[in-house]
Amino acid sequence: DIVTSTYVPDSNLLAYFHQITGKASGSLTFGELAAYTGKITVPQGTTNLVGVGYATGATEFDLTGFTKFYIPDSEFENHTNVTKVTTSRMNAFSCLLPLGKTRSYKSSSAFS
């Protein structure tokens, strides 16, 4: 199946996924997005992280471009390779870690 705005509603995030995978708009598959193993740097102005959960191979997330304060737990439940999450010091969010526990973080040492 093709990754579309139905699955990644934020146009900035969807365009970024196409950019990092080198796939033209309308041709990125879920398998290709899951196979991406680099860093995800959420673009400035992104207001919806729904769909980031499809990038299950990503090892690092920079969320400083994300302007909301809540991230649905389900977006990270399959991310077992994540080694680092960077977020704005002002952001507090709920995140499901690979350890399987839901917690709220605010300037935690687990995050920078």
Protein backbone atom coordinates (compact mmCIF):
# COMPACT_ATOMS: atom_id res chain seq x y z
CA ASP A 1 0.00 0.00 0.00
CA ILE A 2 1.01 3.60 -0.64
CA VAL A 3 1.54 6.09 2.21
CA THR A 4 -0.95 8.92 1.63
CA SER A 5 -2.43 11.82 3.58
CA THR A 6 -5.06 9.41 4.89
CA TYR A 7 -2.30 7.80 6.97
CA VAL A 8 0.01 10.82 7.42
CA PRO A 9 -2.35 13.82 7.56
CA ASP A 10 0.29 16.52 8.12
CA SER A 11 1.54 17.62 4.69
CA ASN A 12 4.93 18.72 6.07
CA LEU A 13 5.56 15.30 7.60
CA LEU A 14 4.37 13.43 4.51
CA ALA A 15 6.63 15.50 2.23
CA TYR A 16 9.54 14.90 4.63
CA PHE A 17 8.98 11.12 4.47
CA HIS A 18 9.18 11.29 0.69
CA GLN A 19 12.36 13.36 0.93
CA ILE A 20 14.25 11.09 3.35
CA THR A 21 13.35 7.93 1.45
CA GLY A 22 14.01 9.44 -1.98
CA LYS A 23 10.57 8.42 -3.18
CA ALA A 24 8.41 10.67 -5.35
CA SER A 25 5.07 11.82 -4.02
CA GLY A 26 2.50 9.07 -4.37
CA SER A 27 5.04 6.24 -4.62
CA LEU A 28 6.21 5.66 -1.02
CA THR A 29 5.10 2.31 0.40
CA PHE A 30 4.65 1.42 4.05
CA GLY A 31 7.43 -1.15 3.71
CA GLU A 32 9.85 1.47 2.38
CA LEU A 33 9.02 3.86 5.22
CA ALA A 34 9.42 1.06 7.78
CA ALA A 35 12.80 0.17 6.27
CA TYR A 36 14.21 3.68 6.83
CA THR A 37 16.80 3.37 9.62
CA GLY A 38 18.07 6.93 10.01
CA LYS A 39 17.09 9.95 12.04
CA ILE A 40 13.61 11.47 11.73
CA THR A 41 13.77 15.26 12.06
CA VAL A 42 10.20 16.50 12.21
CA PRO A 43 9.91 19.59 9.96
CA GLN A 44 9.16 22.99 11.49
CA GLY A 45 5.45 23.71 11.48
CA THR A 46 4.40 20.09 11.83
CA THR A 47 1.24 20.01 13.93
CA ASN A 48 0.26 16.35 13.66
CA LEU A 49 2.54 13.35 14.27
CA VAL A 50 -0.01 10.76 13.22
CA GLY A 51 1.83 8.46 10.84
CA VAL A 52 5.31 8.74 12.34
CA GLY A 53 4.62 5.30 13.77
CA TYR A 54 5.05 3.78 10.31
CA ALA A 55 8.78 4.62 10.37
CA THR A 56 9.48 1.69 12.68
CA GLY A 57 13.14 1.35 11.66
CA ALA A 58 14.08 4.90 12.66
CA THR A 59 16.75 5.09 15.34
CA GLU A 60 16.43 8.72 16.40
CA PHE A 61 13.71 11.35 16.52
CA ASP A 62 14.19 15.12 16.62
CA LEU A 63 10.80 16.54 17.57
CA THR A 64 11.84 20.16 18.03
CA GLY A 65 9.86 21.10 14.90
CA PHE A 66 6.67 19.70 16.42
CA THR A 67 4.59 22.43 18.04
CA LYS A 68 2.03 20.38 19.96
CA PHE A 69 2.38 19.10 23.50
CA TYR A 70 0.91 15.62 23.15
CA ILE A 71 2.07 12.69 21.06
CA PRO A 72 -0.25 9.66 20.90
CA ASP A 73 1.31 6.63 22.57
CA SER A 74 0.43 4.47 19.58
CA GLU A 75 2.85 6.37 17.34
CA PHE A 76 5.85 4.91 19.17
CA GLU A 77 4.66 1.48 20.30
CA ASN A 78 6.56 -0.40 17.56
CA HIS A 79 9.79 1.62 17.70
CA THR A 80 12.22 -0.81 19.27
CA ASN A 81 15.39 0.65 17.69
CA VAL A 82 15.11 4.21 19.00
CA THR A 83 18.24 5.37 20.78
CA LYS A 84 17.51 9.09 21.10
CA VAL A 85 14.58 11.51 21.13
CA THR A 86 15.21 15.26 21.02
CA THR A 87 12.45 17.66 21.90
CA SER A 88 12.04 21.29 22.85
CA ARG A 89 12.70 21.93 26.52
CA MET A 90 9.24 23.50 26.66
CA ASN A 91 7.46 20.40 25.39
CA ALA A 92 6.09 17.79 27.73
CA PHE A 93 4.61 14.74 26.12
CA SER A 94 3.38 11.23 26.66
CA CYS A 95 5.40 8.58 24.86
CA LEU A 96 5.24 4.80 24.85
CA LEU A 97 8.82 3.60 25.16
CA PRO A 98 10.09 0.25 23.89
CA LEU A 99 10.07 -0.82 27.55
CA GLY A 100 6.30 -0.97 27.26
CA LYS A 101 5.51 1.63 29.90
CA THR A 102 3.60 4.83 29.28
CA ARG A 103 5.08 7.86 31.04
CA SER A 104 5.02 11.61 30.80
CA TYR A 105 8.36 13.34 30.34
CA LYS A 106 9.38 16.93 30.87
CA SER A 107 13.08 17.67 30.45
CA SER A 108 13.91 14.09 31.36
CA SER A 109 17.47 12.83 31.10
CA ALA A 110 16.15 10.17 28.70
CA PHE A 111 15.45 12.96 26.28
CA SER A 112 17.46 15.99 25.26
